[in-house]
Amino acid sequence: MPKILIADDDRTTVRLLQTLLELDGFDVVAVGRGADILPALHEHEPDLVLMDYHLSDMDGVEVVRSIRSDDALSALPIVMASGLDVQEEAIGAGATLFLVKPFDPGNLARLFNKLIAG
């Protein structure tokens, strides 16, 4: 079962995404702060990260750069999402894909499976 790490400080969004992704056959781990992402990645070893651009303690670009600088995580697919037009910044930092909020959660399973498969 593929594992997804969701990093978002909006609990409602996390619960919705977690429910939908679990129904689509994913194992989901969630964190609410940027500082919790790297430890969670090493502990849970997910196949993909879905993260919000704005986290309560840091911006997502900082987190993406930290992930990309870790040799054990450098190839991990990272999907960043935001309602702001920050796609260029996100991709430039190393995100694999950028989603504009609100996005259609119904397409996530197909998209995530494709990214995980490489």
C-alpha atoms as a PDB file:
ATOM      1  CA  MET A   1       0.000   0.000   0.000  1.00  0.00           C
ATOM      2  CA  PRO A   2       1.596   3.324  -1.027  1.00  0.00           C
ATOM      3  CA  LYS A   3       2.178   5.763   1.810  1.00  0.00           C
ATOM      4  CA  ILE A   4       1.534   9.510   1.598  1.00  0.00           C
ATOM      5  CA  LEU A   5       2.720  12.152   4.060  1.00  0.00           C
ATOM      6  CA  ILE A   6       0.373  15.141   4.198  1.00  0.00           C
ATOM      7  CA  ALA A   7       1.843  18.332   5.667  1.00  0.00           C
ATOM      8  CA  ASP A   8      -0.797  20.982   6.258  1.00  0.00           C
ATOM      9  CA  ASP A   9      -1.800  23.037   9.291  1.00  0.00           C
ATOM     10  CA  ASP A  10      -5.490  23.107   8.298  1.00  0.00           C
ATOM     11  CA  ARG A  11      -6.962  20.130  10.177  1.00  0.00           C
ATOM     12  CA  THR A  12     -10.160  20.098   8.117  1.00  0.00           C
ATOM     13  CA  THR A  13      -8.195  19.830   4.889  1.00  0.00           C
ATOM     14  CA  VAL A  14      -6.016  17.093   6.342  1.00  0.00           C
ATOM     15  CA  ARG A  15      -9.028  15.042   7.514  1.00  0.00           C
ATOM     16  CA  LEU A  16     -10.721  15.353   4.116  1.00  0.00           C
ATOM     17  CA  LEU A  17      -7.607  14.411   2.159  1.00  0.00           C
ATOM     18  CA  GLN A  18      -6.755  11.592   4.546  1.00  0.00           C
ATOM     19  CA  THR A  19     -10.233  10.087   4.234  1.00  0.00           C
ATOM     20  CA  LEU A  20     -10.259  10.337   0.440  1.00  0.00           C
ATOM     21  CA  LEU A  21      -6.759   8.947   0.014  1.00  0.00           C
ATOM     22  CA  GLU A  22      -7.374   6.073   2.429  1.00  0.00           C
ATOM     23  CA  LEU A  23     -10.519   5.176   0.463  1.00  0.00           C
ATOM     24  CA  ASP A  24      -8.307   5.093  -2.641  1.00  0.00           C
ATOM     25  CA  GLY A  25      -5.944   2.600  -0.991  1.00  0.00           C
ATOM     26  CA  PHE A  26      -3.216   4.830   0.429  1.00  0.00           C
ATOM     27  CA  ASP A  27      -1.735   4.706   3.889  1.00  0.00           C
ATOM     28  CA  VAL A  28      -1.700   8.327   5.138  1.00  0.00           C
ATOM     29  CA  VAL A  29       0.452  10.028   7.756  1.00  0.00           C
ATOM     30  CA  ALA A  30      -0.206  13.689   8.592  1.00  0.00           C
ATOM     31  CA  VAL A  31       1.810  16.444  10.235  1.00  0.00           C
ATOM     32  CA  GLY A  32       0.810  20.032  10.872  1.00  0.00           C
ATOM     33  CA  ARG A  33       4.142  21.829  11.163  1.00  0.00           C
ATOM     34  CA  GLY A  34       7.114  22.186   8.861  1.00  0.00           C
ATOM     35  CA  ALA A  35       9.508  21.217  11.656  1.00  0.00           C
ATOM     36  CA  ASP A  36       7.764  17.830  11.913  1.00  0.00           C
ATOM     37  CA  ILE A  37       8.180  16.900   8.249  1.00  0.00           C
ATOM     38  CA  LEU A  38      11.794  15.676   8.124  1.00  0.00           C
ATOM     39  CA  PRO A  39      11.483  13.516  11.261  1.00  0.00           C
ATOM     40  CA  ALA A  40       8.203  12.069   9.923  1.00  0.00           C
ATOM     41  CA  LEU A  41       9.802  11.315   6.550  1.00  0.00           C
ATOM     42  CA  HIS A  42      12.589   9.343   8.199  1.00  0.00           C
ATOM     43  CA  GLU A  43      10.236   7.573  10.607  1.00  0.00           C
ATOM     44  CA  HIS A  44       7.437   6.645   8.183  1.00  0.00           C
ATOM     45  CA  GLU A  45       9.310   6.501   4.837  1.00  0.00           C
ATOM     46  CA  PRO A  46       6.397   7.647   2.649  1.00  0.00           C
ATOM     47  CA  ASP A  47       6.313   7.237  -1.118  1.00  0.00           C
ATOM     48  CA  LEU A  48       5.172  10.837  -1.689  1.00  0.00           C
ATOM     49  CA  VAL A  49       4.692  14.127   0.182  1.00  0.00           C
ATOM     50  CA  LEU A  50       1.703  16.428  -0.285  1.00  0.00           C
ATOM     51  CA  MET A  51       2.394  19.723   1.431  1.00  0.00           C
ATOM     52  CA  ASP A  52       0.892  23.133   1.743  1.00  0.00           C
ATOM     53  CA  TYR A  53       3.018  26.128   0.787  1.00  0.00           C
ATOM     54  CA  HIS A  54       2.098  27.950   3.992  1.00  0.00           C
ATOM     55  CA  LEU A  55       2.740  26.030   7.176  1.00  0.00           C
ATOM     56  CA  SER A  56       2.302  27.509  10.635  1.00  0.00           C
ATOM     57  CA  ASP A  57       6.019  27.597  11.442  1.00  0.00           C
ATOM     58  CA  MET A  58       7.774  27.911   8.058  1.00  0.00           C
ATOM     59  CA  ASP A  59       7.087  28.175   4.373  1.00  0.00           C
ATOM     60  CA  GLY A  60       7.031  25.119   2.184  1.00  0.00           C
ATOM     61  CA  VAL A  61       9.947  26.243   0.048  1.00  0.00           C
ATOM     62  CA  GLU A  62      12.236  25.978   3.089  1.00  0.00           C
ATOM     63  CA  VAL A  63      10.951  22.475   3.727  1.00  0.00           C
ATOM     64  CA  VAL A  64      11.374  21.375   0.107  1.00  0.00           C
ATOM     65  CA  ARG A  65      14.974  22.597   0.113  1.00  0.00           C
ATOM     66  CA  SER A  66      15.628  20.664   3.337  1.00  0.00           C
ATOM     67  CA  ILE A  67      14.160  17.503   1.849  1.00  0.00           C
ATOM     68  CA  ARG A  68      16.157  17.859  -1.363  1.00  0.00           C
ATOM     69  CA  SER A  69      19.395  18.365   0.589  1.00  0.00           C
ATOM     70  CA  ASP A  70      18.903  15.041   2.420  1.00  0.00           C
ATOM     71  CA  ASP A  71      20.485  12.302   0.266  1.00  0.00           C
ATOM     72  CA  ALA A  72      18.070   9.666   1.559  1.00  0.00           C
ATOM     73  CA  LEU A  73      15.072  11.781   0.471  1.00  0.00           C
ATOM     74  CA  SER A  74      16.361  13.590  -2.603  1.00  0.00           C
ATOM     75  CA  ALA A  75      14.290  11.553  -5.096  1.00  0.00           C
ATOM     76  CA  LEU A  76      11.059  11.612  -3.080  1.00  0.00           C
ATOM     77  CA  PRO A  77       8.132  13.069  -5.081  1.00  0.00           C
ATOM     78  CA  ILE A  78       6.927  16.301  -3.474  1.00  0.00           C
ATOM     79  CA  VAL A  79       3.603  17.851  -4.419  1.00  0.00           C
ATOM     80  CA  MET A  80       3.140  21.393  -3.134  1.00  0.00           C
ATOM     81  CA  ALA A  81      -0.226  23.130  -3.063  1.00  0.00           C
ATOM     82  CA  SER A  82      -1.263  26.740  -2.566  1.00  0.00           C
ATOM     83  CA  GLY A  83      -3.953  29.221  -3.457  1.00  0.00           C
ATOM     84  CA  LEU A  84      -1.210  31.696  -4.329  1.00  0.00           C
ATOM     85  CA  ASP A  85       0.658  31.882  -7.612  1.00  0.00           C
ATOM     86  CA  VAL A  86       3.931  30.462  -6.303  1.00  0.00           C
ATOM     87  CA  GLN A  87       4.397  27.604  -8.761  1.00  0.00           C
ATOM     88  CA  GLU A  88       7.690  28.900 -10.124  1.00  0.00           C
ATOM     89  CA  GLU A  89       9.110  29.308  -6.631  1.00  0.00           C
ATOM     90  CA  ALA A  90       7.908  25.837  -5.565  1.00  0.00           C
ATOM     91  CA  ILE A  91       9.294  24.058  -8.629  1.00  0.00           C
ATOM     92  CA  GLY A  92      12.507  26.086  -8.411  1.00  0.00           C
ATOM     93  CA  ALA A  93      13.004  24.883  -4.834  1.00  0.00           C
ATOM     94  CA  GLY A  94      12.637  21.263  -5.930  1.00  0.00           C
ATOM     95  CA  ALA A  95       8.942  20.394  -5.743  1.00  0.00           C
ATOM     96  CA  THR A  96       8.001  17.722  -8.262  1.00  0.00           C
ATOM     97  CA  LEU A  97       4.561  19.170  -8.954  1.00  0.00           C
ATOM     98  CA  PHE A  98       2.508  22.191  -7.935  1.00  0.00           C
ATOM     99  CA  LEU A  99      -1.271  22.193  -7.460  1.00  0.00           C
ATOM    100  CA  VAL A 100      -3.350  25.356  -7.329  1.00  0.00           C
ATOM    101  CA  LYS A 101      -5.923  25.357  -4.532  1.00  0.00           C
ATOM    102  CA  PRO A 102      -8.698  24.552  -4.639  1.00  0.00           C
ATOM    103  CA  PHE A 103      -7.818  21.398  -6.550  1.00  0.00           C
ATOM    104  CA  ASP A 104      -9.998  18.418  -7.374  1.00  0.00           C
ATOM    105  CA  PRO A 105      -9.198  15.763  -4.741  1.00  0.00           C
ATOM    106  CA  GLY A 106     -10.873  13.138  -6.927  1.00  0.00           C
ATOM    107  CA  ASN A 107      -7.871  13.118  -9.258  1.00  0.00           C
ATOM    108  CA  LEU A 108      -5.220  12.795  -6.561  1.00  0.00           C
ATOM    109  CA  ALA A 109      -5.052   9.003  -6.449  1.00  0.00           C
ATOM    110  CA  ARG A 110      -4.349   8.711 -10.169  1.00  0.00           C
ATOM    111  CA  LEU A 111      -1.829  11.547 -10.045  1.00  0.00           C
ATOM    112  CA  PHE A 112      -0.058  10.208  -6.955  1.00  0.00           C
ATOM    113  CA  ASN A 113       0.151   6.658  -8.323  1.00  0.00           C
ATOM    114  CA  LYS A 114       1.720   8.045 -11.494  1.00  0.00           C
ATOM    115  CA  LEU A 115       4.309  10.076  -9.536  1.00  0.00           C
ATOM    116  CA  ILE A 116       5.136   7.134  -7.255  1.00  0.00           C
ATOM    117  CA  ALA A 117       5.607   4.797 -10.227  1.00  0.00           C
ATOM    118  CA  GLY A 118       8.080   7.273 -11.662  1.00  0.00           C
END
